[in-house]
């Protein structure tokens, strides 16, 4: 009975997420409610199991998770400094200039460029706004259909899977007891292949439907030809922390440079921010405010979802849903392979966010990956990428709404163009990661 009531609460939470209620409120409230249900069962049986405290314990544990705080908060602070110094705009305009190479590659090139930028600016909605404000008018002015221009940018907004600041990467790394770069390296092939599938799929659709050229819209030329003088030095600053982390991950045993191996994600982001301030000569005090404002916003938004997801899973544990689900999956291990990717994928399409579903799955199921003949890294990456791909074809996703607004089209027009590529990408990446 307790499990049944818990399942009803989970279904209710999914319904509220579909209705676009605040995700943290829904997950937090559902988790606490399942704890209350567990307490009610204890009062009826007269046996106090103490499971009512599981959601509260998950809240305490999640909000002080040091393995997640450093990468997520430091990357968010660095991203806001890049916006303040306008280094991100220089990188975007530099890549926009490259897009003008040929009509047939315009759409896939825009997707790949967005994917690249998203590795250093991890927020999907943030990169959609920053990149879309430049790329979408450029594509439209060169004859690309507005909906296709918006889809091209939207299709590249899961490049953050290659960023150490994406919440899922340090989360999976902590579960697997490895460093974040090991997780990124393990999933990089699947992410890159998925990105190429999405880009090529959109390119084919654009050519077949003739949306890659011929569109003329009043005023699009003036928006695209707005002058911006790119400084190449400014443009490379957003990529420096990633370069530092890659260099630090190399084998330096033959060289007497021990300090390189000790560079952490937070240190790399701080060094990148300092270099950006020094090179652009912007106000250090204002840049410092931006860095810490970014960290604060990241705790409230990103860590907030992680904390709420932890409480939600704690509630499922209190009701016995996790144990019941584990018992079922042990008897049908093939279900785990499918659920790991397609569960977060489908929920992300429905709700517009892949984070809650992927985090809940990784919190509840991924730690037991060995029992299903899987690795924690493979299962965790699969759930995270599945959620990201599903969100990329969801008309309810914040990034999709941003792209639709910039292109002045319906978000459903963008979603339906991205759907074929994302479905194929999820299928292929599932096999690569499993």
Protein backbone atom coordinates (compact mmCIF):
# COMPACT_ATOMS: atom_id res chain seq x y z
CA UNK A 1 0.00 0.00 0.00
CA UNK A 2 2.82 2.41 0.88
CA UNK A 3 4.58 1.67 -2.40
CA UNK A 4 1.32 2.24 -4.30
CA UNK A 5 0.76 5.62 -2.63
CA UNK A 6 4.38 6.54 -3.36
CA UNK A 7 3.93 5.68 -7.04
CA UNK A 8 0.82 7.90 -7.14
CA UNK A 9 2.85 10.78 -5.68
CA UNK A 10 5.61 10.22 -8.26
CA UNK A 11 3.02 10.26 -11.07
CA UNK A 12 1.56 13.45 -9.60
CA UNK A 13 5.02 15.02 -9.54
CA UNK A 14 5.55 14.13 -13.20
CA UNK A 15 2.15 15.66 -14.05
CA UNK A 16 3.05 18.90 -12.26
CA UNK A 17 6.40 19.03 -14.05
CA UNK A 18 4.59 18.61 -17.37
CA UNK A 19 2.36 21.53 -16.36
CA UNK A 20 5.59 23.51 -15.84
CA UNK A 21 5.26 24.06 -12.10
CA UNK A 22 8.53 25.04 -10.41
CA UNK A 23 10.70 21.90 -10.57
CA UNK A 24 12.41 22.38 -7.19
CA UNK A 25 9.09 22.91 -5.43
CA UNK A 26 7.57 19.82 -7.06
CA UNK A 27 10.50 17.51 -6.30
CA UNK A 28 10.95 18.83 -2.77
CA UNK A 29 7.23 18.68 -1.97
CA UNK A 30 6.80 15.19 -3.44
CA UNK A 31 9.80 13.87 -1.50
CA UNK A 32 8.55 15.26 1.81
CA UNK A 33 5.02 13.99 1.12
CA UNK A 34 6.34 10.46 0.55
CA UNK A 35 8.13 10.76 3.89
CA UNK A 36 4.82 11.65 5.54
CA UNK A 37 3.19 8.61 3.88
CA UNK A 38 5.97 6.45 5.35
CA UNK A 39 5.32 7.97 8.78
CA UNK A 40 1.60 7.21 8.43
CA UNK A 41 2.41 3.57 7.68
CA UNK A 42 4.63 3.42 10.77
CA UNK A 43 1.83 4.80 12.96
CA UNK A 44 -0.61 2.23 11.58
CA UNK A 45 1.74 -0.71 12.17
CA UNK A 46 3.08 0.63 15.46
CA UNK A 47 6.67 0.05 14.27
CA UNK A 48 8.68 3.25 13.92
CA UNK A 49 11.17 2.55 11.10
CA UNK A 50 12.51 6.10 10.99
CA UNK A 51 12.18 6.21 7.19
CA UNK A 52 10.34 9.51 7.47
CA UNK A 53 13.75 11.08 8.11
CA UNK A 54 15.24 9.86 4.81
CA UNK A 55 14.08 12.90 2.76
CA UNK A 56 15.41 15.25 5.44
CA UNK A 57 18.73 13.40 5.57
CA UNK A 58 18.96 13.62 1.77
CA UNK A 59 18.36 17.38 2.00
CA UNK A 60 21.24 17.82 4.44
CA UNK A 61 23.57 15.58 2.44
CA UNK A 62 22.83 17.20 -0.92
CA UNK A 63 23.21 20.81 0.19
CA UNK A 64 26.74 20.21 1.50
CA UNK A 65 27.98 17.95 -1.29
CA UNK A 66 31.55 19.23 -1.68
CA UNK A 67 32.18 17.08 -4.74
CA UNK A 68 29.56 19.08 -6.64
CA UNK A 69 29.97 22.55 -5.20
CA UNK A 70 33.44 23.35 -6.59
CA UNK A 71 32.92 22.50 -10.28
CA UNK A 72 29.35 23.78 -10.62
CA UNK A 73 29.77 27.05 -8.74
CA UNK A 74 33.18 27.93 -10.19
CA UNK A 75 32.06 27.32 -13.78
CA UNK A 76 28.97 29.46 -13.23
CA UNK A 77 31.10 32.26 -11.81
CA UNK A 78 33.51 32.03 -14.73
CA UNK A 79 30.64 32.12 -17.25
CA UNK A 80 29.25 35.32 -15.75
CA UNK A 81 32.69 36.95 -15.86
CA UNK A 82 32.94 36.00 -19.55
CA UNK A 83 29.60 37.68 -20.13
CA UNK A 84 30.68 40.78 -18.19
CA UNK A 85 33.97 41.10 -20.10
CA UNK A 86 32.15 40.25 -23.39
CA UNK A 87 34.74 37.57 -24.15
CA UNK A 88 31.86 35.19 -24.90
CA UNK A 89 30.55 37.65 -27.53
CA UNK A 90 33.96 37.76 -29.23
CA UNK A 91 34.06 33.95 -29.41
CA UNK A 92 30.51 33.81 -30.78
CA UNK A 93 31.15 36.49 -33.43
CA UNK A 94 34.39 34.79 -34.43
CA UNK A 95 32.57 31.52 -35.05
CA UNK A 96 29.69 33.35 -36.76
CA UNK A 97 32.17 34.66 -39.32
CA UNK A 98 33.25 31.11 -40.09
CA UNK A 99 29.61 30.16 -40.76
CA UNK A 100 29.53 32.30 -43.87
CA UNK A 101 31.61 29.74 -45.76
CA UNK A 102 28.89 27.93 -47.74
CA UNK A 103 25.12 27.57 -47.97
CA UNK A 104 24.99 23.78 -47.73
CA UNK A 105 26.98 23.63 -44.49
CA UNK A 106 25.43 26.67 -42.80
CA UNK A 107 22.92 24.74 -40.68
CA UNK A 108 25.17 21.86 -39.49
CA UNK A 109 28.07 24.29 -38.97
CA UNK A 110 25.89 26.45 -36.70
CA UNK A 111 24.97 23.38 -34.66
CA UNK A 112 28.59 22.27 -34.28
CA UNK A 113 29.68 25.81 -33.38
CA UNK A 114 26.96 26.04 -30.70
CA UNK A 115 28.03 22.63 -29.39
CA UNK A 116 31.59 23.90 -29.07
CA UNK A 117 30.60 27.12 -27.31
CA UNK A 118 28.31 25.21 -24.94
CA UNK A 119 31.32 23.33 -23.57
CA UNK A 120 32.62 26.55 -22.02
CA UNK A 121 29.23 28.18 -21.33
CA UNK A 122 27.31 25.21 -19.83
CA UNK A 123 23.83 26.71 -19.42
CA UNK A 124 21.56 25.55 -22.27
CA UNK A 125 19.25 28.56 -22.04
CA UNK A 126 22.22 30.89 -21.53
CA UNK A 127 24.10 29.67 -24.58
CA UNK A 128 20.87 29.69 -26.62
CA UNK A 129 20.40 33.36 -25.76
CA UNK A 130 24.04 34.37 -26.26
CA UNK A 131 24.68 32.34 -29.42
CA UNK A 132 21.18 32.64 -30.83
CA UNK A 133 21.27 36.43 -30.67
CA UNK A 134 24.15 36.31 -33.18
CA UNK A 135 23.76 33.10 -35.15
CA UNK A 136 20.01 33.20 -35.82
CA UNK A 137 19.99 36.66 -37.50
CA UNK A 138 23.14 35.71 -39.45
CA UNK A 139 21.54 32.48 -40.73
CA UNK A 140 18.25 34.22 -41.60
CA UNK A 141 20.07 36.98 -43.46
CA UNK A 142 21.83 34.31 -45.53
CA UNK A 143 18.51 32.77 -46.59
CA UNK A 144 17.94 30.08 -43.94
CA UNK A 145 14.35 29.58 -42.84
CA UNK A 146 13.85 31.14 -39.34
CA UNK A 147 12.58 27.88 -37.79
CA UNK A 148 15.58 26.01 -39.19
CA UNK A 149 17.93 28.74 -37.92
CA UNK A 150 16.47 28.37 -34.42
CA UNK A 151 16.68 24.58 -34.63
CA UNK A 152 20.35 24.76 -35.67
CA UNK A 153 21.25 26.64 -32.49
CA UNK A 154 18.97 24.54 -30.28
CA UNK A 155 20.49 21.29 -31.58
CA UNK A 156 23.89 22.24 -30.17
CA UNK A 157 22.78 23.00 -26.62
CA UNK A 158 23.85 19.66 -25.16
CA UNK A 159 27.56 20.38 -25.71
CA UNK A 160 27.70 21.04 -21.97
CA UNK A 161 27.97 17.25 -21.58
CA UNK A 162 31.68 17.87 -22.28
CA UNK A 163 31.93 20.56 -19.59
CA UNK A 164 33.24 19.82 -16.08
CA UNK A 165 30.72 22.35 -14.79
CA UNK A 166 27.63 20.47 -15.93
CA UNK A 167 25.94 19.19 -12.76
CA UNK A 168 25.72 15.59 -14.02
CA UNK A 169 29.44 15.13 -14.68
CA UNK A 170 30.69 15.75 -11.12
CA UNK A 171 27.63 13.89 -9.83
CA UNK A 172 28.49 10.74 -11.81
CA UNK A 173 32.19 11.17 -11.00
CA UNK A 174 31.42 11.17 -7.28
CA UNK A 175 29.27 8.05 -7.62
CA UNK A 176 31.97 6.24 -9.61
CA UNK A 177 34.76 7.56 -7.35
CA UNK A 178 36.72 8.98 -10.30
CA UNK A 179 37.63 12.52 -11.36
CA UNK A 180 35.33 14.57 -13.58
CA UNK A 181 37.63 14.49 -16.62
CA UNK A 182 37.53 10.68 -16.57
CA UNK A 183 33.73 10.82 -16.84
CA UNK A 184 33.93 13.36 -19.67
CA UNK A 185 36.52 11.27 -21.51
CA UNK A 186 34.35 8.17 -21.15
CA UNK A 187 31.29 9.82 -22.67
CA UNK A 188 33.02 12.15 -25.14
CA UNK A 189 32.74 9.77 -28.12
CA UNK A 190 29.00 9.30 -27.56
CA UNK A 191 28.43 13.05 -27.12
CA UNK A 192 30.44 13.97 -30.22
CA UNK A 193 28.72 11.29 -32.32
CA UNK A 194 25.32 12.48 -31.03
CA UNK A 195 26.25 16.06 -31.91
CA UNK A 196 27.29 15.07 -35.42
CA UNK A 197 24.10 13.05 -35.90
CA UNK A 198 22.01 16.04 -34.83
CA UNK A 199 23.96 18.41 -37.11
CA UNK A 200 23.88 16.11 -40.16
CA UNK A 201 20.20 15.30 -39.63
CA UNK A 202 19.30 18.99 -39.58
CA UNK A 203 21.49 19.62 -42.63
CA UNK A 204 19.72 16.88 -44.58
CA UNK A 205 16.27 18.11 -43.51
CA UNK A 206 17.23 21.67 -44.49
CA UNK A 207 18.39 20.63 -47.97
CA UNK A 208 15.43 18.29 -48.60
CA UNK A 209 12.89 20.92 -47.54
CA UNK A 210 14.93 23.71 -49.19
CA UNK A 211 15.06 25.61 -45.91
CA UNK A 212 18.81 26.15 -46.18
CA UNK A 213 18.50 28.99 -48.69
CA UNK A 214 16.06 31.34 -50.40
CA UNK A 215 14.36 32.86 -47.36
CA UNK A 216 14.07 36.67 -47.38
CA UNK A 217 12.79 38.61 -44.38
CA UNK A 218 12.54 42.41 -44.07
CA UNK A 219 15.07 43.78 -41.63
CA UNK A 220 17.09 40.59 -41.28
CA UNK A 221 20.05 42.10 -43.11
CA UNK A 222 20.31 45.06 -40.76
CA UNK A 223 20.26 42.77 -37.74
CA UNK A 224 22.96 40.54 -39.17
CA UNK A 225 25.26 43.31 -40.37
CA UNK A 226 25.58 45.03 -37.04
CA UNK A 227 29.30 45.74 -36.75
CA UNK A 228 31.34 43.94 -34.16
CA UNK A 229 35.12 43.96 -34.24
CA UNK A 230 36.37 40.59 -33.02
CA UNK A 231 39.48 40.51 -30.88
CA UNK A 232 40.96 36.98 -31.31
CA UNK A 233 42.70 37.24 -27.93
CA UNK A 234 39.38 37.93 -26.20
CA UNK A 235 37.74 35.11 -28.16
CA UNK A 236 40.06 32.39 -26.84
CA UNK A 237 39.66 33.33 -23.15
CA UNK A 238 36.41 31.32 -22.65
CA UNK A 239 38.23 28.18 -23.84
CA UNK A 240 41.32 28.58 -21.63
CA UNK A 241 40.03 26.73 -18.52
CA UNK A 242 39.20 23.69 -20.64
CA UNK A 243 42.65 23.81 -22.21
CA UNK A 244 44.24 24.03 -18.74
CA UNK A 245 42.25 21.03 -17.51
CA UNK A 246 43.13 18.96 -20.58
CA UNK A 247 46.80 19.84 -20.20
CA UNK A 248 46.67 19.00 -16.50
CA UNK A 249 45.25 15.59 -17.40
CA UNK A 250 48.26 14.64 -19.54
CA UNK A 251 51.13 12.53 -18.29
CA UNK A 252 53.76 14.94 -16.91
CA UNK A 253 55.83 12.32 -15.11
CA UNK A 254 58.81 12.93 -17.40
CA UNK A 255 58.73 16.69 -16.80
CA UNK A 256 59.54 18.40 -13.55
CA UNK A 257 56.33 20.45 -13.45
CA UNK A 258 54.39 18.96 -10.52
CA UNK A 259 52.05 21.92 -10.07
CA UNK A 260 50.32 21.31 -13.41
CA UNK A 261 48.85 18.02 -12.15
CA UNK A 262 47.35 19.84 -9.18
CA UNK A 263 45.11 22.22 -11.15
CA UNK A 264 41.50 21.62 -10.14
CA UNK A 265 38.34 22.72 -11.95
CA UNK A 266 37.80 25.61 -9.57
CA UNK A 267 41.39 26.80 -9.95
CA UNK A 268 41.20 26.58 -13.75
CA UNK A 269 37.99 28.63 -13.80
CA UNK A 270 39.42 31.24 -11.43
CA UNK A 271 42.59 31.54 -13.54
CA UNK A 272 40.47 31.89 -16.67
CA UNK A 273 38.39 34.63 -15.05
CA UNK A 274 41.50 36.49 -13.89
CA UNK A 275 43.05 36.29 -17.37
CA UNK A 276 39.81 37.57 -18.89
CA UNK A 277 39.79 40.56 -16.53
CA UNK A 278 43.48 41.28 -17.17
CA UNK A 279 43.25 41.02 -20.96
CA UNK A 280 40.04 43.06 -21.33
CA UNK A 281 41.04 45.52 -18.56
CA UNK A 282 37.50 45.63 -17.21
CA UNK A 283 36.71 46.77 -13.67
CA UNK A 284 38.08 44.13 -11.27
CA UNK A 285 35.50 45.02 -8.63
CA UNK A 286 32.56 44.62 -11.02
CA UNK A 287 34.06 41.42 -12.43
CA UNK A 288 34.46 40.05 -8.91
CA UNK A 289 30.79 40.81 -8.23
CA UNK A 290 29.87 38.99 -11.43
CA UNK A 291 31.91 35.93 -10.42
CA UNK A 292 30.28 35.59 -7.02
CA UNK A 293 26.82 36.48 -8.36
CA UNK A 294 27.25 33.63 -10.82
CA UNK A 295 28.19 31.27 -8.00
CA UNK A 296 25.16 32.36 -5.98
CA UNK A 297 22.79 31.94 -8.90
CA UNK A 298 24.25 28.49 -9.62
CA UNK A 299 23.66 27.36 -6.03
CA UNK A 300 20.08 28.56 -6.12
CA UNK A 301 19.23 27.13 -9.55
CA UNK A 302 21.53 24.18 -10.29
CA UNK A 303 22.34 22.99 -6.79
CA UNK A 304 18.72 23.69 -5.89
CA UNK A 305 17.57 21.08 -8.41
CA UNK A 306 20.18 18.60 -7.16
CA UNK A 307 19.05 19.13 -3.56
CA UNK A 308 15.37 18.79 -4.49
CA UNK A 309 16.09 15.65 -6.54
CA UNK A 310 17.92 14.19 -3.54
CA UNK A 311 14.87 14.80 -1.32
CA UNK A 312 12.62 13.26 -4.00
CA UNK A 313 14.73 10.09 -4.11
CA UNK A 314 14.87 10.08 -0.31
CA UNK A 315 11.07 10.05 -0.32
CA UNK A 316 11.02 7.16 -2.80
CA UNK A 317 13.38 5.26 -0.51
CA UNK A 318 11.09 5.99 2.44
CA UNK A 319 8.11 4.52 0.55
CA UNK A 320 10.06 1.51 -0.67
CA UNK A 321 9.73 2.43 -4.35
CA UNK A 322 13.46 2.19 -5.00
CA UNK A 323 13.76 -1.25 -3.40
CA UNK A 324 10.70 -2.51 -5.31
CA UNK A 325 12.06 -1.12 -8.57
CA UNK A 326 15.47 -2.63 -7.93
CA UNK A 327 13.96 -6.05 -7.29
CA UNK A 328 12.01 -5.82 -10.54
CA UNK A 329 15.01 -4.69 -12.59
CA UNK A 330 17.17 -7.48 -11.15
CA UNK A 331 14.71 -9.95 -12.62
CA UNK A 332 14.59 -8.09 -15.95
CA UNK A 333 18.04 -6.54 -16.49
CA UNK A 334 17.29 -5.60 -20.10
CA UNK A 335 14.82 -3.02 -18.75
CA UNK A 336 17.70 -1.09 -17.16
CA UNK A 337 19.42 -0.67 -20.51
CA UNK A 338 16.29 0.85 -22.00
CA UNK A 339 15.18 2.86 -18.95
CA UNK A 340 18.62 4.37 -18.40
CA UNK A 341 18.52 6.31 -21.66
CA UNK A 342 14.88 6.42 -22.75
CA UNK A 343 13.36 7.12 -19.33
CA UNK A 344 15.13 10.49 -18.86
CA UNK A 345 14.79 11.12 -22.63
CA UNK A 346 10.99 10.77 -22.66
CA UNK A 347 10.52 12.72 -19.42
CA UNK A 348 12.74 15.50 -20.77
CA UNK A 349 10.64 15.75 -23.93
CA UNK A 350 7.46 15.93 -21.84
CA UNK A 351 8.69 18.31 -19.14
CA UNK A 352 11.29 20.39 -21.02
CA UNK A 353 14.02 19.54 -18.51
CA UNK A 354 16.30 16.53 -18.52
CA UNK A 355 17.97 17.41 -15.23
CA UNK A 356 15.33 16.24 -12.77
CA UNK A 357 14.75 12.87 -14.46
CA UNK A 358 18.45 12.14 -15.00
CA UNK A 359 19.39 13.14 -11.45
CA UNK A 360 16.60 11.07 -9.93
CA UNK A 361 17.65 8.02 -11.98
CA UNK A 362 21.34 8.48 -11.15
CA UNK A 363 20.57 8.98 -7.47
CA UNK A 364 18.33 5.93 -7.17
CA UNK A 365 19.55 3.36 -9.72
CA UNK A 366 23.06 4.17 -10.95
CA UNK A 367 24.84 3.37 -7.63
CA UNK A 368 23.65 -0.23 -8.14
CA UNK A 369 24.89 -0.43 -11.75
CA UNK A 370 27.17 -3.41 -11.03
CA UNK A 371 24.15 -5.49 -10.03
CA UNK A 372 22.84 -5.06 -13.57
CA UNK A 373 26.13 -5.85 -15.26
CA UNK A 374 26.80 -2.17 -16.02
CA UNK A 375 29.37 0.40 -14.91
CA UNK A 376 28.40 3.43 -12.87
CA UNK A 377 30.09 5.73 -15.38
CA UNK A 378 28.32 4.18 -18.38
CA UNK A 379 24.88 4.11 -16.79
CA UNK A 380 25.22 7.59 -15.28
CA UNK A 381 26.44 9.15 -18.54
CA UNK A 382 23.69 7.41 -20.48
CA UNK A 383 20.96 8.83 -18.22
CA UNK A 384 22.46 12.33 -18.34
CA UNK A 385 22.88 12.30 -22.13
CA UNK A 386 19.42 10.80 -22.63
CA UNK A 387 17.90 13.64 -20.63
CA UNK A 388 19.94 16.24 -22.53
CA UNK A 389 18.91 14.86 -25.94
CA UNK A 390 15.25 14.69 -24.92
CA UNK A 391 15.34 18.28 -23.69
CA UNK A 392 16.92 19.36 -26.98
CA UNK A 393 13.79 18.27 -28.87
CA UNK A 394 11.27 19.50 -26.31
CA UNK A 395 9.12 22.52 -27.22
CA UNK A 396 8.82 23.27 -23.49
CA UNK A 397 12.57 23.62 -22.84
CA UNK A 398 13.76 27.06 -21.82
CA UNK A 399 16.47 27.04 -24.50
CA UNK A 400 13.87 26.17 -27.16
CA UNK A 401 11.65 29.04 -26.04
CA UNK A 402 14.63 31.40 -26.27
CA UNK A 403 15.51 30.22 -29.80
CA UNK A 404 11.87 30.41 -30.87
CA UNK A 405 11.61 33.96 -29.58
CA UNK A 406 14.77 35.04 -31.40
CA UNK A 407 13.58 33.39 -34.63
CA UNK A 408 9.99 34.62 -34.12
CA UNK A 409 8.52 31.14 -34.69
CA UNK A 410 6.59 28.57 -32.65
CA UNK A 411 8.77 26.38 -30.39
CA UNK A 412 6.99 23.35 -31.88
CA UNK A 413 8.46 24.26 -35.28
CA UNK A 414 11.95 24.03 -33.79
CA UNK A 415 11.21 20.84 -31.83
CA UNK A 416 9.88 18.88 -34.80
CA UNK A 417 12.99 19.68 -36.86
CA UNK A 418 15.28 18.46 -34.11
CA UNK A 419 13.25 15.36 -33.22
CA UNK A 420 14.57 12.91 -35.88
CA UNK A 421 18.22 13.64 -35.12
CA UNK A 422 17.78 13.49 -31.33
CA UNK A 423 15.92 10.17 -31.47
CA UNK A 424 18.62 8.58 -33.63
CA UNK A 425 21.35 10.17 -31.50
CA UNK A 426 19.83 8.70 -28.31
CA UNK A 427 19.64 5.25 -29.88
CA UNK A 428 23.25 5.34 -31.10
CA UNK A 429 24.68 6.86 -27.92
CA UNK A 430 22.89 4.21 -25.82
CA UNK A 431 24.80 1.47 -27.64
CA UNK A 432 28.09 3.39 -27.38
CA UNK A 433 27.77 3.94 -23.64
CA UNK A 434 26.40 0.52 -22.74
